[in-house]
Structure formats: C-alpha cells, structure tokens
C-alpha cells in the first residue's frame, strides 16, 4: 500500500480507502506534521506543540527528547579538624605551678575557627594536672617531681564551629634537673651559740651522751667532735663538774658566761674527768672534747653546794663560871 501526507485516496489490499486523522502523520512517515494536534508528531519529526519519538516540539518532549531540566546543587559537607599537635611535651621538675608547657594547633579543612579543651576519656588519666588558657596554651597546674613521677597523660579535644571534633592524647614528660648536693650538716652543739641548755642548777644535773661518733641521719659522715652545754647557777657555792663512764679518752672544760676558760681536766685514758671550784651565781658553759679520733659515751654530772651563810650569828650555849 501507498501512503502520502494526509492522503485521502490511499487504499488497503482489498481496495478500501484508508483514512488518517489530520492531527498526526501517517505511520512510517517522517518529517511532516499535521495541522496542529497537541502532542502529536511523526516518528522523526514534531508538530508545533508536540514532539515525536526522537524529536521535541517547541513546548513539549517526546519519548527521547525533552525541555530544560534544572541542575541539582551539591550540599556542602563539613569536614572535621585534622593534625592536632602540641608544640612541646616536656617540662622541668620543681618549677612553680602555672607554667606554660606548649601551644596546641590543628587544621580545619573548611577554614573555620577551632576551639581546644581537655576532655575525659582514655589517655586522660592525669587531666587534673593541666589546664588550657588563651584557647590553645597548655599549662601545668602543679609542680612536678621527677623522682616521684616521670610522665603524665592529658586528653585534648579540638572542635570546629559546626561541632566536628578530633581527640588526641599527649604524654607530658618530666625532665630531671640535677639537684645540688645537700649541704654539710653542722654539729648542732659544737659552738657556744648552739650549746645544749641544761637549765638552772639547784643541786645536781645529769646528762648521758656520746662524742666522736658520726652524726646520725647525716647525708655525709660528719663527726660529732665537740659538745657544748650551758647552765645557770642560782646561788654562789661550790660547783663540781664530772665526766664519767668513759670508754675512750675525752677532756673536760669549764667556761663562764663571758666565755672565759675557768678550768680544764685532761686525765689520760678512760679515767673520769672532774673540776671543782667556788663560783658566783651566773651562767656557765661545759665543753666535752674527745681526744684525737676517740669515740666514747659519757655521763656528765653537775652538782653545787651553796656557800655557808657568813652573816652575824648567835653565841654558844655556854654559861659563865
């Protein structure tokens, strides 16, 4: 059969005329359009208001053609901070508290502001020893002692303006600082000014001690070479000072309050030392000195006998003859 554009004399194989509507092109026709039915068109052509299968009209789209389609705009995605670091992770021991350790820094891929804080969690076992000031400065809240603890852990979090975060645990190491050797301890009773005060002597006083031995609880071997004692005599009388129970040779000296030497006793060996003399009321010093490198315990005893009253007295019993 033969078909033309909008032909009214086409017939089928039985001779029956074939009628086609004006709004559409004939089957298999292309490139031509009807008088204008909406949405109609040939397979490869389009009418004024419609599109064919592979073509588009002015205001419509066919199966494989179309009008203008809006392009979707991508939604921006916030990226978390990266590369959290601390400029220094050491601090010297014995520094005063509130010393700065280092500066915190990180990168925001989106170019925003960052905020730093100390947070609880694994890696923050020693958070209480630190604090952040000026937003990104890590400070020590205490003084550290290398001999007690050598490292501390703190957990830091950095966050951007949209709430994205990054955490990092830092280990702060304490630096040992060489400490000066302890000063040589002095013999506490080796001078007049540091003499052991025995108090007031009424009748007698006793003291047990030792001399010539290294001092106890001393950092170095400091030998107790001399012992000084001070005391006061309330009333004039006879004063006796005795050094006994010696195991090695030691000497005895008696001084007055003006620090003038009054008497010495220098018997050899383990013999007891003794000084006796009349004294007025006042202050006195006793000095115990080991001979050479002698080491000996001793007993120091002090005694006084008041002088007799020399005032006027009464007569005897006696009667006359």
Protein backbone atom coordinates (compact mmCIF):
# COMPACT_ATOMS: atom_id res chain seq x y z
CA UNK A 1 0.00 0.00 0.00
CA UNK A 2 0.93 3.60 -0.57
CA UNK A 3 0.53 6.37 1.90
CA UNK A 4 1.06 10.10 1.36
CA UNK A 5 0.94 13.03 3.64
CA UNK A 6 -2.69 13.44 4.75
CA UNK A 7 -3.79 11.48 1.62
CA UNK A 8 -7.47 10.61 1.36
CA UNK A 9 -7.14 8.13 -1.56
CA UNK A 10 -4.92 5.52 -0.05
CA UNK A 11 -6.42 2.02 -0.11
CA UNK A 12 -5.62 -1.23 1.52
CA UNK A 13 -5.06 -4.54 -0.32
CA UNK A 14 -8.79 -5.06 -0.54
CA UNK A 15 -9.31 -1.67 -2.17
CA UNK A 16 -10.82 0.01 0.87
CA UNK A 17 -9.80 3.66 1.24
CA UNK A 18 -7.63 4.38 4.31
CA UNK A 19 -8.44 7.48 6.34
CA UNK A 20 -5.87 9.24 8.54
CA UNK A 21 -6.64 11.91 11.13
CA UNK A 22 -5.33 15.37 10.43
CA UNK A 23 -3.61 15.66 13.77
CA UNK A 24 -0.98 13.03 13.18
CA UNK A 25 1.31 11.89 10.45
CA UNK A 26 0.90 8.57 8.78
CA UNK A 27 2.65 5.51 10.08
CA UNK A 28 6.18 5.38 8.95
CA UNK A 29 6.08 8.98 7.78
CA UNK A 30 8.64 11.36 8.98
CA UNK A 31 9.45 14.96 8.83
CA UNK A 32 5.89 16.14 8.38
CA UNK A 33 3.44 17.42 10.87
CA UNK A 34 -0.32 17.70 10.97
CA UNK A 35 -2.21 20.92 11.34
CA UNK A 36 -1.52 21.05 14.92
CA UNK A 37 -2.86 18.45 17.33
CA UNK A 38 -1.20 18.85 20.73
CA UNK A 39 1.41 16.26 21.49
CA UNK A 40 1.33 14.64 18.07
CA UNK A 41 4.20 14.17 15.69
CA UNK A 42 5.86 11.84 13.34
CA UNK A 43 8.48 9.40 14.45
CA UNK A 44 11.28 11.74 13.48
CA UNK A 45 9.51 15.00 13.35
CA UNK A 46 7.45 17.18 15.53
CA UNK A 47 4.46 19.42 15.24
CA UNK A 48 4.30 22.93 16.53
CA UNK A 49 3.29 21.90 20.06
CA UNK A 50 4.48 18.33 20.28
CA UNK A 51 7.42 16.11 19.79
CA UNK A 52 7.91 12.83 18.05
CA UNK A 53 9.67 9.86 19.47
CA UNK A 54 13.11 11.30 18.75
CA UNK A 55 12.34 14.93 18.43
CA UNK A 56 10.91 17.64 20.52
CA UNK A 57 8.36 20.30 19.84
CA UNK A 58 8.62 23.84 21.00
CA UNK A 59 6.83 23.24 24.29
CA UNK A 60 6.96 19.52 24.85
CA UNK A 61 9.13 16.49 24.79
CA UNK A 62 8.92 13.22 23.00
CA UNK A 63 9.98 9.87 24.24
CA UNK A 64 13.69 10.60 23.78
CA UNK A 65 13.71 14.39 23.83
CA UNK A 66 12.79 16.98 26.36
CA UNK A 67 12.75 20.56 27.51
CA UNK A 68 15.00 22.35 30.08
CA UNK A 69 15.86 20.28 33.32
CA UNK A 70 17.22 22.08 36.50
CA UNK A 71 20.79 21.02 37.58
CA UNK A 72 20.95 19.87 41.29
CA UNK A 73 23.23 21.97 43.61
CA UNK A 74 25.51 19.77 45.87
CA UNK A 75 25.03 20.21 49.64
CA UNK A 76 28.35 21.25 51.35
CA UNK A 77 29.79 18.61 53.74
CA UNK A 78 31.58 19.78 56.97
CA UNK A 79 34.95 18.12 57.43
CA UNK A 80 36.39 17.55 60.95
CA UNK A 81 39.67 19.10 62.13
CA UNK A 82 42.92 17.27 61.39
CA UNK A 83 46.55 17.20 62.60
CA UNK A 84 46.08 18.08 66.29
CA UNK A 85 49.54 18.67 67.80
CA UNK A 86 51.36 20.21 70.80
CA UNK A 87 54.49 22.33 70.32
CA UNK A 88 56.31 20.92 73.40
CA UNK A 89 55.67 17.85 75.53
CA UNK A 90 58.27 18.28 78.28
CA UNK A 91 58.52 20.27 81.50
CA UNK A 92 61.36 20.56 84.01
CA UNK A 93 60.84 19.31 87.52
CA UNK A 94 60.48 21.60 90.54
CA UNK A 95 59.19 24.57 88.52
CA UNK A 96 56.43 26.65 90.13
CA UNK A 97 52.91 25.76 89.06
CA UNK A 98 51.08 27.65 86.28
CA UNK A 99 53.98 27.29 83.85
CA UNK A 100 53.12 27.01 80.13
CA UNK A 101 54.12 23.71 78.52
CA UNK A 102 53.30 24.32 74.85
CA UNK A 103 50.84 25.60 72.25
CA UNK A 104 48.11 23.44 70.70
CA UNK A 105 47.41 23.62 66.97
CA UNK A 106 45.24 21.87 64.37
CA UNK A 107 43.93 22.38 60.83
CA UNK A 108 40.30 22.97 59.83
CA UNK A 109 39.94 21.81 56.18
CA UNK A 110 36.98 24.18 55.83
CA UNK A 111 38.96 27.18 57.10
CA UNK A 112 36.85 27.81 60.23
CA UNK A 113 37.75 28.69 63.81
CA UNK A 114 38.89 25.99 66.24
CA UNK A 115 38.42 25.55 69.98
CA UNK A 116 40.57 23.41 72.31
CA UNK A 117 39.53 21.72 75.56
CA UNK A 118 40.59 18.96 77.96
CA UNK A 119 38.11 16.07 77.99
CA UNK A 120 37.70 12.89 79.99
CA UNK A 121 38.47 9.55 78.39
CA UNK A 122 41.19 7.03 77.68
CA UNK A 123 44.54 8.78 77.57
CA UNK A 124 43.47 11.47 80.02
CA UNK A 125 44.45 9.80 83.29
CA UNK A 126 46.26 12.92 84.56
CA UNK A 127 43.97 15.63 83.21
CA UNK A 128 43.74 17.30 86.63
CA UNK A 129 47.40 18.30 86.40
CA UNK A 130 46.77 20.54 83.38
CA UNK A 131 44.54 23.28 82.03
CA UNK A 132 44.13 25.21 78.77
CA UNK A 133 44.29 29.00 78.73
CA UNK A 134 44.08 31.55 75.91
CA UNK A 135 42.20 28.85 73.94
CA UNK A 136 45.31 26.91 72.89
CA UNK A 137 48.00 27.19 75.62
CA UNK A 138 48.54 24.09 77.78
CA UNK A 139 49.56 24.99 81.36
CA UNK A 140 50.78 22.90 84.31
CA UNK A 141 48.63 23.30 87.41
CA UNK A 142 51.27 21.91 89.76
CA UNK A 143 54.98 21.49 90.30
CA UNK A 144 56.35 18.14 89.13
CA UNK A 145 58.94 15.93 90.85
CA UNK A 146 60.94 13.64 88.56
CA UNK A 147 61.76 11.28 91.41
CA UNK A 148 58.05 10.73 92.18
CA UNK A 149 56.52 10.54 88.67
CA UNK A 150 58.19 10.90 85.30
CA UNK A 151 55.30 11.25 82.83
CA UNK A 152 51.67 12.43 82.74
CA UNK A 153 48.85 11.94 80.21
CA UNK A 154 46.31 14.55 79.12
CA UNK A 155 43.46 14.14 76.60
CA UNK A 156 42.78 17.17 74.38
CA UNK A 157 39.86 17.75 72.01
CA UNK A 158 39.68 20.28 69.17
CA UNK A 159 36.29 21.22 67.70
CA UNK A 160 35.21 23.42 64.78
CA UNK A 161 32.28 25.84 64.62
CA UNK A 162 29.95 23.09 63.32
CA UNK A 163 30.67 20.66 66.15
CA UNK A 164 33.06 18.29 64.36
CA UNK A 165 35.82 17.12 66.74
CA UNK A 166 39.18 15.40 66.92
CA UNK A 167 40.81 13.98 70.09
CA UNK A 168 44.45 13.35 70.85
CA UNK A 169 46.22 12.08 73.98
CA UNK A 170 49.56 13.70 74.81
CA UNK A 171 52.22 12.34 77.15
CA UNK A 172 53.99 15.09 79.08
CA UNK A 173 57.42 14.01 80.28
CA UNK A 174 59.11 15.50 83.35
CA UNK A 175 62.75 16.45 82.87
CA UNK A 176 65.13 15.64 85.69
CA UNK A 177 67.12 18.61 86.91
CA UNK A 178 70.41 17.91 88.71
CA UNK A 179 69.94 18.86 92.32
CA UNK A 180 72.74 20.40 94.37
CA UNK A 181 74.23 18.05 96.95
CA UNK A 182 72.82 18.52 100.41
CA UNK A 183 74.76 20.98 102.49
CA UNK A 184 77.14 19.51 105.00
CA UNK A 185 75.17 19.32 108.23
CA UNK A 186 76.75 21.07 111.13
CA UNK A 187 77.31 19.52 114.51
CA UNK A 188 74.31 21.05 116.31
CA UNK A 189 76.11 21.53 119.63
CA UNK A 190 79.63 22.37 118.52
CA UNK A 191 79.70 26.08 119.47
CA UNK A 192 78.81 28.32 122.39
CA UNK A 193 75.87 29.70 120.41
CA UNK A 194 74.42 26.24 119.78
CA UNK A 195 75.14 24.81 123.22
CA UNK A 196 72.57 22.46 124.73
CA UNK A 197 70.78 24.32 127.54
CA UNK A 198 70.63 22.26 130.73
CA UNK A 199 68.61 24.85 132.62
CA UNK A 200 69.12 26.02 136.21
CA UNK A 201 71.32 24.08 138.59
CA UNK A 202 69.76 23.88 142.05
CA UNK A 203 71.60 20.88 143.46
CA UNK A 204 72.50 18.43 140.67
CA UNK A 205 72.03 17.66 136.94
CA UNK A 206 72.87 14.61 134.83
CA UNK A 207 73.10 14.01 131.08
CA UNK A 208 74.03 10.95 129.04
CA UNK A 209 75.51 11.47 125.58
CA UNK A 210 78.38 10.41 123.38
CA UNK A 211 81.08 12.12 121.37
CA UNK A 212 83.44 11.36 118.49
CA UNK A 213 80.81 9.39 116.53
CA UNK A 214 79.37 10.27 113.09
CA UNK A 215 76.16 12.20 113.38
CA UNK A 216 73.03 10.17 112.83
CA UNK A 217 70.74 10.91 109.83
CA UNK A 218 73.51 12.95 108.20
CA UNK A 219 73.93 12.93 104.42
CA UNK A 220 77.68 12.60 104.85
CA UNK A 221 79.97 11.40 107.61
CA UNK A 222 80.01 14.39 109.92
CA UNK A 223 81.69 13.54 113.19
CA UNK A 224 80.46 14.94 116.50
CA UNK A 225 83.80 16.37 117.66
CA UNK A 226 82.72 18.71 120.43
CA UNK A 227 79.75 19.01 122.78
CA UNK A 228 78.83 22.31 124.45
CA UNK A 229 76.40 22.66 127.35
CA UNK A 230 75.10 25.77 129.09
CA UNK A 231 73.56 26.07 132.56
CA UNK A 232 72.83 28.62 135.26
CA UNK A 233 73.88 28.63 138.91
CA UNK A 234 71.32 30.45 141.08
CA UNK A 235 73.35 30.88 144.26
CA UNK A 236 77.08 31.16 144.94
CA UNK A 237 78.75 28.00 146.13
CA UNK A 238 81.00 25.12 145.27
CA UNK A 239 80.48 23.76 141.75
CA UNK A 240 81.56 20.27 140.72
CA UNK A 241 81.52 19.10 137.08
CA UNK A 242 82.31 15.42 136.41
CA UNK A 243 82.70 13.35 133.22
CA UNK A 244 82.48 9.60 133.87
CA UNK A 245 81.79 6.16 132.33
CA UNK A 246 84.24 6.85 129.51
CA UNK A 247 85.31 4.14 127.04
CA UNK A 248 87.94 6.34 125.42
CA UNK A 249 89.89 9.45 126.30
CA UNK A 250 87.96 12.74 126.50
CA UNK A 251 88.71 16.08 128.15
CA UNK A 252 86.53 18.45 130.17
CA UNK A 253 86.48 22.27 130.21
CA UNK A 254 84.52 24.82 132.29
CA UNK A 255 83.81 28.34 130.96
CA UNK A 256 81.98 31.31 132.45
CA UNK A 257 79.17 33.30 130.83
CA UNK A 258 81.68 35.71 129.29
CA UNK A 259 83.23 32.66 127.56
CA UNK A 260 86.43 32.79 129.54
CA UNK A 261 88.06 29.44 130.29
CA UNK A 262 87.98 28.76 134.05
CA UNK A 263 89.36 25.25 134.46
CA UNK A 264 90.23 22.11 132.48
CA UNK A 265 90.58 18.40 133.28
CA UNK A 266 92.81 16.32 130.97
CA UNK A 267 93.33 12.92 132.53
CA UNK A 268 94.50 10.22 130.14
CA UNK A 269 92.63 7.16 129.00
CA UNK A 270 89.30 6.17 130.43
CA UNK A 271 89.76 7.94 133.73
CA UNK A 272 86.94 10.19 134.82
CA UNK A 273 87.45 13.91 134.44
CA UNK A 274 86.47 16.28 137.28
CA UNK A 275 86.52 20.03 138.02
CA UNK A 276 85.66 21.62 141.37
CA UNK A 277 85.79 25.33 142.25
CA UNK A 278 83.88 28.06 144.01
CA UNK A 279 81.69 30.13 141.73
CA UNK A 280 79.35 33.08 141.95
CA UNK A 281 75.81 32.96 140.66
CA UNK A 282 75.62 33.24 136.88
CA UNK A 283 75.80 31.43 133.55
CA UNK A 284 78.39 28.80 132.69
CA UNK A 285 79.44 26.50 129.83
CA UNK A 286 80.83 22.96 129.84
CA UNK A 287 82.79 21.63 126.88
CA UNK A 288 83.38 17.90 126.26
CA UNK A 289 86.16 17.16 123.74
CA UNK A 290 87.23 13.67 122.56
CA UNK A 291 90.99 13.23 122.25
CA UNK A 292 92.06 12.56 118.68
CA UNK A 293 89.57 10.24 116.99
CA UNK A 294 88.28 8.79 120.23
CA UNK A 295 84.66 7.66 120.31
CA UNK A 296 83.03 7.29 123.68
CA UNK A 297 79.77 7.55 125.51
CA UNK A 298 79.80 9.53 128.75
CA UNK A 299 77.79 10.72 131.72
CA UNK A 300 78.02 14.42 132.54
CA UNK A 301 77.08 15.31 136.12
CA UNK A 302 76.83 18.76 137.68
CA UNK A 303 76.48 19.50 141.38
CA UNK A 304 76.56 22.57 143.56
CA UNK A 305 76.86 23.13 147.30
CA UNK A 306 75.68 26.60 148.41
CA UNK A 307 78.26 28.65 150.23
CA UNK A 308 77.73 28.83 154.03
CA UNK A 309 75.97 31.90 155.37
CA UNK A 310 78.68 34.20 156.75
CA UNK A 311 76.28 36.63 158.40
CA UNK A 312 76.43 37.55 162.14
CA UNK A 313 75.35 34.78 164.38
CA UNK A 314 74.47 33.92 167.91
CA UNK A 315 76.66 32.70 170.71
CA UNK A 316 77.07 29.30 172.20
CA UNK A 317 75.20 27.63 174.94
CA UNK A 318 77.69 28.49 177.33
CA UNK A 319 77.29 29.89 180.58
CA UNK A 320 79.64 31.64 182.81
CA UNK A 321 81.58 30.43 185.70
